[in-house]
Amino acid sequence: MSDLDIQIPTAFDPFADANAEDSGAGTKEYVHIRIQQRNGRKSLTTVQGLKKEFSYNKILKDLKEFCCNGTVVQDPELGQVIQLQGDQRNNVSTFLVQVIVIIIWFSYIYS
């Protein structure tokens, strides 16, 4: 056989742009609202990822209006986590959206 030019295709990485350090990927801060099943019908709702500037105890006090008890737990990996008794995912998400809209509105008015 004669000399054939064999070209091996290079590996294509579709996530190369997302993995670039200067792309800013992963800079969004998310608030995670999760439910943890305890035993039987009992469960815990956990809220993590809130900004450190917020007072977790004041947020917890406002969340207790949903007829549930709760506490703020310090986790070595996750930081401060709010734990509420029962399935409070809908109540917490609605509350946080309303508070964020109010914060944005006040910052717009007073800036």
PDB file of N, CA and C in Angstrom:
ATOM      1  N   MET A   1       0.826  -1.161   0.000  1.00  0.00           N
ATOM      2  CA  MET A   1       0.000   0.000   0.000  1.00  0.00           C
ATOM      3  C   MET A   1       0.881   1.237   0.000  1.00  0.00           C
ATOM      4  N   SER A   2       0.359   2.271  -0.541  1.00  0.00           N
ATOM      5  CA  SER A   2       1.109   3.519  -0.623  1.00  0.00           C
ATOM      6  C   SER A   2       0.933   4.320   0.664  1.00  0.00           C
ATOM      7  N   ASP A   3       1.642   5.399   0.713  1.00  0.00           N
ATOM      8  CA  ASP A   3       1.549   6.254   1.900  1.00  0.00           C
ATOM      9  C   ASP A   3       0.181   6.927   1.930  1.00  0.00           C
ATOM     10  N   LEU A   4      -0.573   6.582   2.938  1.00  0.00           N
ATOM     11  CA  LEU A   4      -1.888   7.198   3.115  1.00  0.00           C
ATOM     12  C   LEU A   4      -1.809   8.211   4.246  1.00  0.00           C
ATOM     13  N   ASP A   5      -2.423   9.330   4.014  1.00  0.00           N
ATOM     14  CA  ASP A   5      -2.484  10.326   5.074  1.00  0.00           C
ATOM     15  C   ASP A   5      -3.662   9.983   5.973  1.00  0.00           C
ATOM     16  N   ILE A   6      -3.329   9.533   7.136  1.00  0.00           N
ATOM     17  CA  ILE A   6      -4.380   9.181   8.099  1.00  0.00           C
ATOM     18  C   ILE A   6      -4.527  10.340   9.062  1.00  0.00           C
ATOM     19  N   GLN A   7      -5.725  10.825   9.163  1.00  0.00           N
ATOM     20  CA  GLN A   7      -6.007  11.919  10.080  1.00  0.00           C
ATOM     21  C   GLN A   7      -6.897  11.392  11.187  1.00  0.00           C
ATOM     22  N   ILE A   8      -6.394  11.487  12.365  1.00  0.00           N
ATOM     23  CA  ILE A   8      -7.183  11.073  13.519  1.00  0.00           C
ATOM     24  C   ILE A   8      -7.922  12.305  14.012  1.00  0.00           C
ATOM     25  N   PRO A   9      -9.228  12.202  14.059  1.00  0.00           N
ATOM     26  CA  PRO A   9      -9.982  13.384  14.516  1.00  0.00           C
ATOM     27  C   PRO A   9      -9.686  13.681  15.985  1.00  0.00           C
ATOM     28  N   THR A  10      -9.605  14.954  16.275  1.00  0.00           N
ATOM     29  CA  THR A  10      -9.358  15.346  17.660  1.00  0.00           C
ATOM     30  C   THR A  10     -10.663  15.233  18.437  1.00  0.00           C
ATOM     31  N   ALA A  11     -10.533  15.042  19.700  1.00  0.00           N
ATOM     32  CA  ALA A  11     -11.711  14.908  20.555  1.00  0.00           C
ATOM     33  C   ALA A  11     -12.395  16.270  20.672  1.00  0.00           C
ATOM     34  N   PHE A  12     -13.672  16.271  20.484  1.00  0.00           N
ATOM     35  CA  PHE A  12     -14.452  17.498  20.573  1.00  0.00           C
ATOM     36  C   PHE A  12     -15.084  17.562  21.961  1.00  0.00           C
ATOM     37  N   ASP A  13     -14.842  18.631  22.657  1.00  0.00           N
ATOM     38  CA  ASP A  13     -15.397  18.821  23.988  1.00  0.00           C
ATOM     39  C   ASP A  13     -16.496  19.868  23.909  1.00  0.00           C
ATOM     40  N   PRO A  14     -17.779  19.467  23.990  1.00  0.00           N
ATOM     41  CA  PRO A  14     -18.862  20.452  23.886  1.00  0.00           C
ATOM     42  C   PRO A  14     -18.948  21.372  25.097  1.00  0.00           C
ATOM     43  N   PHE A  15     -18.297  20.989  26.203  1.00  0.00           N
ATOM     44  CA  PHE A  15     -18.363  21.795  27.410  1.00  0.00           C
ATOM     45  C   PHE A  15     -17.089  22.593  27.638  1.00  0.00           C
ATOM     46  N   ALA A  16     -16.272  22.737  26.622  1.00  0.00           N
ATOM     47  CA  ALA A  16     -15.000  23.439  26.777  1.00  0.00           C
ATOM     48  C   ALA A  16     -15.217  24.899  27.185  1.00  0.00           C
ATOM     49  N   ASP A  17     -16.220  25.542  26.607  1.00  0.00           N
ATOM     50  CA  ASP A  17     -16.489  26.935  26.965  1.00  0.00           C
ATOM     51  C   ASP A  17     -16.969  27.050  28.403  1.00  0.00           C
ATOM     52  N   ALA A  18     -17.774  26.100  28.848  1.00  0.00           N
ATOM     53  CA  ALA A  18     -18.302  26.149  30.210  1.00  0.00           C
ATOM     54  C   ALA A  18     -17.227  25.845  31.234  1.00  0.00           C
ATOM     55  N   ASN A  19     -16.229  25.073  30.854  1.00  0.00           N
ATOM     56  CA  ASN A  19     -15.165  24.720  31.788  1.00  0.00           C
ATOM     57  C   ASN A  19     -14.060  25.761  31.859  1.00  0.00           C
ATOM     58  N   ALA A  20     -14.077  26.722  30.972  1.00  0.00           N
ATOM     59  CA  ALA A  20     -13.039  27.751  30.982  1.00  0.00           C
ATOM     60  C   ALA A  20     -13.143  28.563  32.264  1.00  0.00           C
ATOM     61  N   GLU A  21     -12.002  28.888  32.846  1.00  0.00           N
ATOM     62  CA  GLU A  21     -12.002  29.591  34.123  1.00  0.00           C
ATOM     63  C   GLU A  21     -12.515  31.021  34.001  1.00  0.00           C
ATOM     64  N   ASP A  22     -12.297  31.652  32.870  1.00  0.00           N
ATOM     65  CA  ASP A  22     -12.698  33.049  32.718  1.00  0.00           C
ATOM     66  C   ASP A  22     -14.126  33.187  32.197  1.00  0.00           C
ATOM     67  N   SER A  23     -14.851  32.090  32.023  1.00  0.00           N
ATOM     68  CA  SER A  23     -16.202  32.178  31.468  1.00  0.00           C
ATOM     69  C   SER A  23     -17.234  32.608  32.493  1.00  0.00           C
ATOM     70  N   GLY A  24     -16.891  32.506  33.785  1.00  0.00           N
ATOM     71  CA  GLY A  24     -17.844  32.898  34.812  1.00  0.00           C
ATOM     72  C   GLY A  24     -18.855  31.815  35.106  1.00  0.00           C
ATOM     73  N   ALA A  25     -18.619  30.608  34.645  1.00  0.00           N
ATOM     74  CA  ALA A  25     -19.551  29.519  34.907  1.00  0.00           C
ATOM     75  C   ALA A  25     -19.526  29.179  36.385  1.00  0.00           C
ATOM     76  N   GLY A  26     -20.696  28.954  36.931  1.00  0.00           N
ATOM     77  CA  GLY A  26     -20.791  28.581  38.330  1.00  0.00           C
ATOM     78  C   GLY A  26     -20.764  29.755  39.281  1.00  0.00           C
ATOM     79  N   THR A  27     -20.911  30.961  38.787  1.00  0.00           N
ATOM     80  CA  THR A  27     -20.873  32.113  39.665  1.00  0.00           C
ATOM     81  C   THR A  27     -22.243  32.448  40.225  1.00  0.00           C
ATOM     82  N   LYS A  28     -23.287  31.806  39.731  1.00  0.00           N
ATOM     83  CA  LYS A  28     -24.622  32.059  40.260  1.00  0.00           C
ATOM     84  C   LYS A  28     -24.750  31.400  41.624  1.00  0.00           C
ATOM     85  N   GLU A  29     -25.463  32.077  42.487  1.00  0.00           N
ATOM     86  CA  GLU A  29     -25.696  31.540  43.816  1.00  0.00           C
ATOM     87  C   GLU A  29     -27.124  31.016  43.861  1.00  0.00           C
ATOM     88  N   TYR A  30     -27.245  29.771  44.238  1.00  0.00           N
ATOM     89  CA  TYR A  30     -28.545  29.135  44.306  1.00  0.00           C
ATOM     90  C   TYR A  30     -28.935  28.907  45.758  1.00  0.00           C
ATOM     91  N   VAL A  31     -30.227  28.999  46.020  1.00  0.00           N
ATOM     92  CA  VAL A  31     -30.773  28.639  47.319  1.00  0.00           C
ATOM     93  C   VAL A  31     -31.427  27.275  47.145  1.00  0.00           C
ATOM     94  N   HIS A  32     -30.978  26.317  47.937  1.00  0.00           N
ATOM     95  CA  HIS A  32     -31.493  24.958  47.832  1.00  0.00           C
ATOM     96  C   HIS A  32     -32.524  24.724  48.928  1.00  0.00           C
ATOM     97  N   ILE A  33     -33.716  24.334  48.514  1.00  0.00           N
ATOM     98  CA  ILE A  33     -34.796  23.985  49.440  1.00  0.00           C
ATOM     99  C   ILE A  33     -35.052  22.502  49.250  1.00  0.00           C
ATOM    100  N   ARG A  34     -34.763  21.722  50.283  1.00  0.00           N
ATOM    101  CA  ARG A  34     -34.862  20.270  50.170  1.00  0.00           C
ATOM    102  C   ARG A  34     -35.721  19.712  51.292  1.00  0.00           C
ATOM    103  N   ILE A  35     -36.220  18.515  51.057  1.00  0.00           N
ATOM    104  CA  ILE A  35     -36.968  17.807  52.082  1.00  0.00           C
ATOM    105  C   ILE A  35     -36.217  16.522  52.407  1.00  0.00           C
ATOM    106  N   GLN A  36     -36.134  16.224  53.693  1.00  0.00           N
ATOM    107  CA  GLN A  36     -35.496  14.992  54.151  1.00  0.00           C
ATOM    108  C   GLN A  36     -36.532  14.180  54.918  1.00  0.00           C
ATOM    109  N   GLN A  37     -36.747  12.975  54.486  1.00  0.00           N
ATOM    110  CA  GLN A  37     -37.706  12.103  55.146  1.00  0.00           C
ATOM    111  C   GLN A  37     -37.087  11.557  56.424  1.00  0.00           C
ATOM    112  N   ARG A  38     -37.792  11.667  57.518  1.00  0.00           N
ATOM    113  CA  ARG A  38     -37.291  11.126  58.783  1.00  0.00           C
ATOM    114  C   ARG A  38     -37.827   9.719  58.971  1.00  0.00           C
ATOM    115  N   ASN A  39     -38.917   9.575  59.648  1.00  0.00           N
ATOM    116  CA  ASN A  39     -39.515   8.256  59.827  1.00  0.00           C
ATOM    117  C   ASN A  39     -41.026   8.383  59.697  1.00  0.00           C
ATOM    118  N   GLY A  40     -41.609   7.451  58.976  1.00  0.00           N
ATOM    119  CA  GLY A  40     -43.044   7.511  58.762  1.00  0.00           C
ATOM    120  C   GLY A  40     -43.430   8.723  57.938  1.00  0.00           C
ATOM    121  N   ARG A  41     -44.326   9.524  58.478  1.00  0.00           N
ATOM    122  CA  ARG A  41     -44.797  10.711  57.769  1.00  0.00           C
ATOM    123  C   ARG A  41     -44.023  11.964  58.146  1.00  0.00           C
ATOM    124  N   LYS A  42     -43.078  11.852  59.026  1.00  0.00           N
ATOM    125  CA  LYS A  42     -42.346  13.024  59.502  1.00  0.00           C
ATOM    126  C   LYS A  42     -41.213  13.380  58.551  1.00  0.00           C
ATOM    127  N   SER A  43     -40.997  14.677  58.371  1.00  0.00           N
ATOM    128  CA  SER A  43     -39.960  15.125  57.450  1.00  0.00           C
ATOM    129  C   SER A  43     -39.381  16.455  57.919  1.00  0.00           C
ATOM    130  N   LEU A  44     -38.231  16.794  57.357  1.00  0.00           N
ATOM    131  CA  LEU A  44     -37.556  18.070  57.601  1.00  0.00           C
ATOM    132  C   LEU A  44     -37.392  18.807  56.290  1.00  0.00           C
ATOM    133  N   THR A  45     -37.587  20.104  56.319  1.00  0.00           N
ATOM    134  CA  THR A  45     -37.294  20.945  55.163  1.00  0.00           C
ATOM    135  C   THR A  45     -36.021  21.711  55.480  1.00  0.00           C
ATOM    136  N   THR A  46     -35.032  21.649  54.588  1.00  0.00           N
ATOM    137  CA  THR A  46     -33.778  22.367  54.803  1.00  0.00           C
ATOM    138  C   THR A  46     -33.625  23.452  53.755  1.00  0.00           C
ATOM    139  N   VAL A  47     -33.116  24.594  54.180  1.00  0.00           N
ATOM    140  CA  VAL A  47     -32.872  25.739  53.301  1.00  0.00           C
ATOM    141  C   VAL A  47     -31.400  26.093  53.448  1.00  0.00           C
ATOM    142  N   GLN A  48     -30.671  26.057  52.346  1.00  0.00           N
ATOM    143  CA  GLN A  48     -29.252  26.403  52.393  1.00  0.00           C
ATOM    144  C   GLN A  48     -28.902  27.239  51.181  1.00  0.00           C
ATOM    145  N   GLY A  49     -27.823  27.983  51.302  1.00  0.00           N
ATOM    146  CA  GLY A  49     -27.348  28.786  50.185  1.00  0.00           C
ATOM    147  C   GLY A  49     -27.767  30.242  50.250  1.00  0.00           C
ATOM    148  N   LEU A  50     -28.365  30.657  51.356  1.00  0.00           N
ATOM    149  CA  LEU A  50     -28.704  32.072  51.490  1.00  0.00           C
ATOM    150  C   LEU A  50     -27.428  32.876  51.691  1.00  0.00           C
ATOM    151  N   LYS A  51     -27.469  34.142  51.350  1.00  0.00           N
ATOM    152  CA  LYS A  51     -26.291  35.000  51.504  1.00  0.00           C
ATOM    153  C   LYS A  51     -25.939  35.137  52.981  1.00  0.00           C
ATOM    154  N   LYS A  52     -24.670  35.298  53.243  1.00  0.00           N
ATOM    155  CA  LYS A  52     -24.199  35.401  54.620  1.00  0.00           C
ATOM    156  C   LYS A  52     -24.603  36.719  55.263  1.00  0.00           C
ATOM    157  N   GLU A  53     -24.949  37.719  54.447  1.00  0.00           N
ATOM    158  CA  GLU A  53     -25.334  39.020  54.990  1.00  0.00           C
ATOM    159  C   GLU A  53     -26.694  38.971  55.677  1.00  0.00           C
ATOM    160  N   PHE A  54     -27.513  37.979  55.308  1.00  0.00           N
ATOM    161  CA  PHE A  54     -28.851  37.884  55.885  1.00  0.00           C
ATOM    162  C   PHE A  54     -28.774  37.341  57.305  1.00  0.00           C
ATOM    163  N   SER A  55     -29.695  37.785  58.127  1.00  0.00           N
ATOM    164  CA  SER A  55     -29.799  37.272  59.482  1.00  0.00           C
ATOM    165  C   SER A  55     -30.660  36.010  59.443  1.00  0.00           C
ATOM    166  N   TYR A  56     -30.027  34.877  59.652  1.00  0.00           N
ATOM    167  CA  TYR A  56     -30.734  33.599  59.569  1.00  0.00           C
ATOM    168  C   TYR A  56     -31.797  33.478  60.657  1.00  0.00           C
ATOM    169  N   ASN A  57     -31.519  34.036  61.828  1.00  0.00           N
ATOM    170  CA  ASN A  57     -32.495  33.945  62.914  1.00  0.00           C
ATOM    171  C   ASN A  57     -33.744  34.759  62.609  1.00  0.00           C
ATOM    172  N   LYS A  58     -33.602  35.905  61.955  1.00  0.00           N
ATOM    173  CA  LYS A  58     -34.778  36.703  61.588  1.00  0.00           C
ATOM    174  C   LYS A  58     -35.583  36.013  60.495  1.00  0.00           C
ATOM    175  N   ILE A  59     -34.882  35.394  59.538  1.00  0.00           N
ATOM    176  CA  ILE A  59     -35.586  34.650  58.490  1.00  0.00           C
ATOM    177  C   ILE A  59     -36.329  33.472  59.108  1.00  0.00           C
ATOM    178  N   LEU A  60     -35.676  32.780  60.043  1.00  0.00           N
ATOM    179  CA  LEU A  60     -36.312  31.647  60.715  1.00  0.00           C
ATOM    180  C   LEU A  60     -37.545  32.099  61.481  1.00  0.00           C
ATOM    181  N   LYS A  61     -37.457  33.255  62.128  1.00  0.00           N
ATOM    182  CA  LYS A  61     -38.598  33.775  62.878  1.00  0.00           C
ATOM    183  C   LYS A  61     -39.779  34.036  61.940  1.00  0.00           C
ATOM    184  N   ASP A  62     -39.507  34.574  60.752  1.00  0.00           N
ATOM    185  CA  ASP A  62     -40.581  34.812  59.793  1.00  0.00           C
ATOM    186  C   ASP A  62     -41.117  33.508  59.217  1.00  0.00           C
ATOM    187  N   LEU A  63     -40.256  32.521  59.039  1.00  0.00           N
ATOM    188  CA  LEU A  63     -40.713  31.234  58.493  1.00  0.00           C
ATOM    189  C   LEU A  63     -41.542  30.451  59.497  1.00  0.00           C
ATOM    190  N   LYS A  64     -41.377  30.724  60.777  1.00  0.00           N
ATOM    191  CA  LYS A  64     -42.157  30.013  61.798  1.00  0.00           C
ATOM    192  C   LYS A  64     -43.625  30.404  61.774  1.00  0.00           C
ATOM    193  N   GLU A  65     -43.985  31.435  60.989  1.00  0.00           N
ATOM    194  CA  GLU A  65     -45.386  31.816  60.843  1.00  0.00           C
ATOM    195  C   GLU A  65     -46.196  30.758  60.103  1.00  0.00           C
ATOM    196  N   PHE A  66     -45.502  29.784  59.506  1.00  0.00           N
ATOM    197  CA  PHE A  66     -46.182  28.704  58.785  1.00  0.00           C
ATOM    198  C   PHE A  66     -46.539  27.557  59.714  1.00  0.00           C
ATOM    199  N   CYS A  67     -46.630  27.833  61.016  1.00  0.00           N
ATOM    200  CA  CYS A  67     -47.024  26.844  62.025  1.00  0.00           C
ATOM    201  C   CYS A  67     -46.073  25.654  62.039  1.00  0.00           C
ATOM    202  N   CYS A  68     -44.796  25.939  62.083  1.00  0.00           N
ATOM    203  CA  CYS A  68     -43.799  24.875  62.180  1.00  0.00           C
ATOM    204  C   CYS A  68     -42.663  25.378  63.066  1.00  0.00           C
ATOM    205  N   ASN A  69     -41.950  24.449  63.643  1.00  0.00           N
ATOM    206  CA  ASN A  69     -40.790  24.809  64.436  1.00  0.00           C
ATOM    207  C   ASN A  69     -39.552  24.673  63.573  1.00  0.00           C
ATOM    208  N   GLY A  70     -38.474  25.327  63.962  1.00  0.00           N
ATOM    209  CA  GLY A  70     -37.264  25.251  63.168  1.00  0.00           C
ATOM    210  C   GLY A  70     -36.054  25.683  63.942  1.00  0.00           C
ATOM    211  N   THR A  71     -34.900  25.480  63.334  1.00  0.00           N
ATOM    212  CA  THR A  71     -33.633  25.848  63.953  1.00  0.00           C
ATOM    213  C   THR A  71     -32.614  26.167  62.867  1.00  0.00           C
ATOM    214  N   VAL A  72     -31.567  26.878  63.263  1.00  0.00           N
ATOM    215  CA  VAL A  72     -30.445  27.160  62.368  1.00  0.00           C
ATOM    216  C   VAL A  72     -29.290  26.275  62.812  1.00  0.00           C
ATOM    217  N   VAL A  73     -28.781  25.462  61.886  1.00  0.00           N
ATOM    218  CA  VAL A  73     -27.713  24.512  62.177  1.00  0.00           C
ATOM    219  C   VAL A  73     -26.457  24.954  61.436  1.00  0.00           C
ATOM    220  N   GLN A  74     -25.323  24.907  62.119  1.00  0.00           N
ATOM    221  CA  GLN A  74     -24.038  25.229  61.497  1.00  0.00           C
ATOM    222  C   GLN A  74     -23.406  23.935  60.987  1.00  0.00           C
ATOM    223  N   ASP A  75     -23.242  23.828  59.670  1.00  0.00           N
ATOM    224  CA  ASP A  75     -22.644  22.658  59.047  1.00  0.00           C
ATOM    225  C   ASP A  75     -21.243  23.024  58.575  1.00  0.00           C
ATOM    226  N   PRO A  76     -20.247  22.148  58.802  1.00  0.00           N
ATOM    227  CA  PRO A  76     -18.885  22.504  58.388  1.00  0.00           C
ATOM    228  C   PRO A  76     -18.710  22.650  56.878  1.00  0.00           C
ATOM    229  N   GLU A  77     -19.455  21.892  56.087  1.00  0.00           N
ATOM    230  CA  GLU A  77     -19.323  21.963  54.628  1.00  0.00           C
ATOM    231  C   GLU A  77     -20.286  22.960  54.003  1.00  0.00           C
ATOM    232  N   LEU A  78     -21.519  23.011  54.511  1.00  0.00           N
ATOM    233  CA  LEU A  78     -22.570  23.803  53.867  1.00  0.00           C
ATOM    234  C   LEU A  78     -22.775  25.171  54.497  1.00  0.00           C
ATOM    235  N   GLY A  79     -22.153  25.427  55.625  1.00  0.00           N
ATOM    236  CA  GLY A  79     -22.380  26.696  56.301  1.00  0.00           C
ATOM    237  C   GLY A  79     -23.645  26.617  57.141  1.00  0.00           C
ATOM    238  N   GLN A  80     -24.359  27.725  57.235  1.00  0.00           N
ATOM    239  CA  GLN A  80     -25.588  27.737  58.025  1.00  0.00           C
ATOM    240  C   GLN A  80     -26.741  27.179  57.210  1.00  0.00           C
ATOM    241  N   VAL A  81     -27.517  26.308  57.842  1.00  0.00           N
ATOM    242  CA  VAL A  81     -28.659  25.665  57.198  1.00  0.00           C
ATOM    243  C   VAL A  81     -29.867  25.858  58.095  1.00  0.00           C
ATOM    244  N   ILE A  82     -30.978  26.285  57.507  1.00  0.00           N
ATOM    245  CA  ILE A  82     -32.229  26.417  58.250  1.00  0.00           C
ATOM    246  C   ILE A  82     -32.979  25.107  58.122  1.00  0.00           C
ATOM    247  N   GLN A  83     -33.394  24.527  59.258  1.00  0.00           N
ATOM    248  CA  GLN A  83     -34.181  23.302  59.264  1.00  0.00           C
ATOM    249  C   GLN A  83     -35.562  23.617  59.816  1.00  0.00           C
ATOM    250  N   LEU A  84     -36.584  23.187  59.087  1.00  0.00           N
ATOM    251  CA  LEU A  84     -37.971  23.379  59.500  1.00  0.00           C
ATOM    252  C   LEU A  84     -38.656  22.022  59.596  1.00  0.00           C
ATOM    253  N   GLN A  85     -39.596  21.907  60.529  1.00  0.00           N
ATOM    254  CA  GLN A  85     -40.343  20.667  60.653  1.00  0.00           C
ATOM    255  C   GLN A  85     -41.427  20.611  59.595  1.00  0.00           C
ATOM    256  N   GLY A  86     -41.577  19.443  58.999  1.00  0.00           N
ATOM    257  CA  GLY A  86     -42.638  19.239  58.017  1.00  0.00           C
ATOM    258  C   GLY A  86     -42.202  19.627  56.611  1.00  0.00           C
ATOM    259  N   ASP A  87     -43.116  19.407  55.678  1.00  0.00           N
ATOM    260  CA  ASP A  87     -42.858  19.741  54.266  1.00  0.00           C
ATOM    261  C   ASP A  87     -43.281  21.190  54.036  1.00  0.00           C
ATOM    262  N   GLN A  88     -42.318  22.086  54.062  1.00  0.00           N
ATOM    263  CA  GLN A  88     -42.585  23.525  53.920  1.00  0.00           C
ATOM    264  C   GLN A  88     -41.980  24.082  52.647  1.00  0.00           C
ATOM    265  N   ARG A  89     -41.745  23.234  51.643  1.00  0.00           N
ATOM    266  CA  ARG A  89     -41.067  23.690  50.420  1.00  0.00           C
ATOM    267  C   ARG A  89     -41.843  24.790  49.710  1.00  0.00           C
ATOM    268  N   ASN A  90     -43.136  24.622  49.535  1.00  0.00           N
ATOM    269  CA  ASN A  90     -43.931  25.639  48.830  1.00  0.00           C
ATOM    270  C   ASN A  90     -43.971  26.943  49.622  1.00  0.00           C
ATOM    271  N   ASN A  91     -44.165  26.836  50.936  1.00  0.00           N
ATOM    272  CA  ASN A  91     -44.226  28.040  51.760  1.00  0.00           C
ATOM    273  C   ASN A  91     -42.900  28.800  51.742  1.00  0.00           C
ATOM    274  N   VAL A  92     -41.793  28.076  51.852  1.00  0.00           N
ATOM    275  CA  VAL A  92     -40.478  28.714  51.885  1.00  0.00           C
ATOM    276  C   VAL A  92     -40.167  29.375  50.545  1.00  0.00           C
ATOM    277  N   SER A  93     -40.438  28.674  49.448  1.00  0.00           N
ATOM    278  CA  SER A  93     -40.133  29.252  48.136  1.00  0.00           C
ATOM    279  C   SER A  93     -40.977  30.494  47.871  1.00  0.00           C
ATOM    280  N   THR A  94     -42.256  30.454  48.221  1.00  0.00           N
ATOM    281  CA  THR A  94     -43.119  31.630  48.055  1.00  0.00           C
ATOM    282  C   THR A  94     -42.614  32.790  48.911  1.00  0.00           C
ATOM    283  N   PHE A  95     -42.255  32.499  50.148  1.00  0.00           N
ATOM    284  CA  PHE A  95     -41.755  33.527  51.057  1.00  0.00           C
ATOM    285  C   PHE A  95     -40.475  34.159  50.514  1.00  0.00           C
ATOM    286  N   LEU A  96     -39.527  33.328  50.066  1.00  0.00           N
ATOM    287  CA  LEU A  96     -38.254  33.867  49.579  1.00  0.00           C
ATOM    288  C   LEU A  96     -38.426  34.693  48.312  1.00  0.00           C
ATOM    289  N   VAL A  97     -39.315  34.279  47.425  1.00  0.00           N
ATOM    290  CA  VAL A  97     -39.561  35.054  46.206  1.00  0.00           C
ATOM    291  C   VAL A  97     -40.155  36.413  46.562  1.00  0.00           C
ATOM    292  N   GLN A  98     -41.107  36.444  47.487  1.00  0.00           N
ATOM    293  CA  GLN A  98     -41.700  37.713  47.890  1.00  0.00           C
ATOM    294  C   GLN A  98     -40.661  38.621  48.546  1.00  0.00           C
ATOM    295  N   VAL A  99     -39.810  38.065  49.374  1.00  0.00           N
ATOM    296  CA  VAL A  99     -38.790  38.868  50.049  1.00  0.00           C
ATOM    297  C   VAL A  99     -37.784  39.403  49.041  1.00  0.00           C
ATOM    298  N   ILE A 100     -37.396  38.594  48.071  1.00  0.00           N
ATOM    299  CA  ILE A 100     -36.435  39.043  47.066  1.00  0.00           C
ATOM    300  C   ILE A 100     -37.024  40.162  46.216  1.00  0.00           C
ATOM    301  N   VAL A 101     -38.300  40.052  45.863  1.00  0.00           N
ATOM    302  CA  VAL A 101     -38.952  41.120  45.096  1.00  0.00           C
ATOM    303  C   VAL A 101     -38.978  42.403  45.905  1.00  0.00           C
ATOM    304  N   ILE A 102     -39.244  42.312  47.188  1.00  0.00           N
ATOM    305  CA  ILE A 102     -39.279  43.504  48.043  1.00  0.00           C
ATOM    306  C   ILE A 102     -37.885  44.113  48.152  1.00  0.00           C
ATOM    307  N   ILE A 103     -36.864  43.276  48.317  1.00  0.00           N
ATOM    308  CA  ILE A 103     -35.488  43.785  48.427  1.00  0.00           C
ATOM    309  C   ILE A 103     -35.077  44.487  47.138  1.00  0.00           C
ATOM    310  N   ILE A 104     -35.391  43.897  45.995  1.00  0.00           N
ATOM    311  CA  ILE A 104     -35.053  44.510  44.716  1.00  0.00           C
ATOM    312  C   ILE A 104     -35.804  45.825  44.544  1.00  0.00           C
ATOM    313  N   TRP A 105     -37.077  45.854  44.929  1.00  0.00           N
ATOM    314  CA  TRP A 105     -37.883  47.067  44.802  1.00  0.00           C
ATOM    315  C   TRP A 105     -37.311  48.186  45.663  1.00  0.00           C
ATOM    316  N   PHE A 106     -36.952  47.875  46.931  1.00  0.00           N
ATOM    317  CA  PHE A 106     -36.389  48.895  47.804  1.00  0.00           C
ATOM    318  C   PHE A 106     -35.030  49.373  47.299  1.00  0.00           C
ATOM    319  N   SER A 107     -34.210  48.458  46.801  1.00  0.00           N
ATOM    320  CA  SER A 107     -32.907  48.895  46.287  1.00  0.00           C
ATOM    321  C   SER A 107     -33.058  49.762  45.037  1.00  0.00           C
ATOM    322  N   TYR A 108     -34.100  49.508  44.242  1.00  0.00           N
ATOM    323  CA  TYR A 108     -34.362  50.324  43.052  1.00  0.00           C
ATOM    324  C   TYR A 108     -34.852  51.712  43.467  1.00  0.00           C
ATOM    325  N   ILE A 109     -35.743  51.768  44.447  1.00  0.00           N
ATOM    326  CA  ILE A 109     -36.325  53.037  44.882  1.00  0.00           C
ATOM    327  C   ILE A 109     -35.262  53.924  45.546  1.00  0.00           C
ATOM    328  N   TYR A 110     -34.439  53.326  46.419  1.00  0.00           N
ATOM    329  CA  TYR A 110     -33.513  54.106  47.215  1.00  0.00           C
ATOM    330  C   TYR A 110     -32.102  54.175  46.637  1.00  0.00           C
ATOM    331  N   SER A 111     -31.936  53.814  45.361  1.00  0.00           N
ATOM    332  CA  SER A 111     -30.593  53.909  44.787  1.00  0.00           C
ATOM    333  C   SER A 111     -30.448  55.146  43.921  1.00  0.00           C
TER     334      SER A 111
END
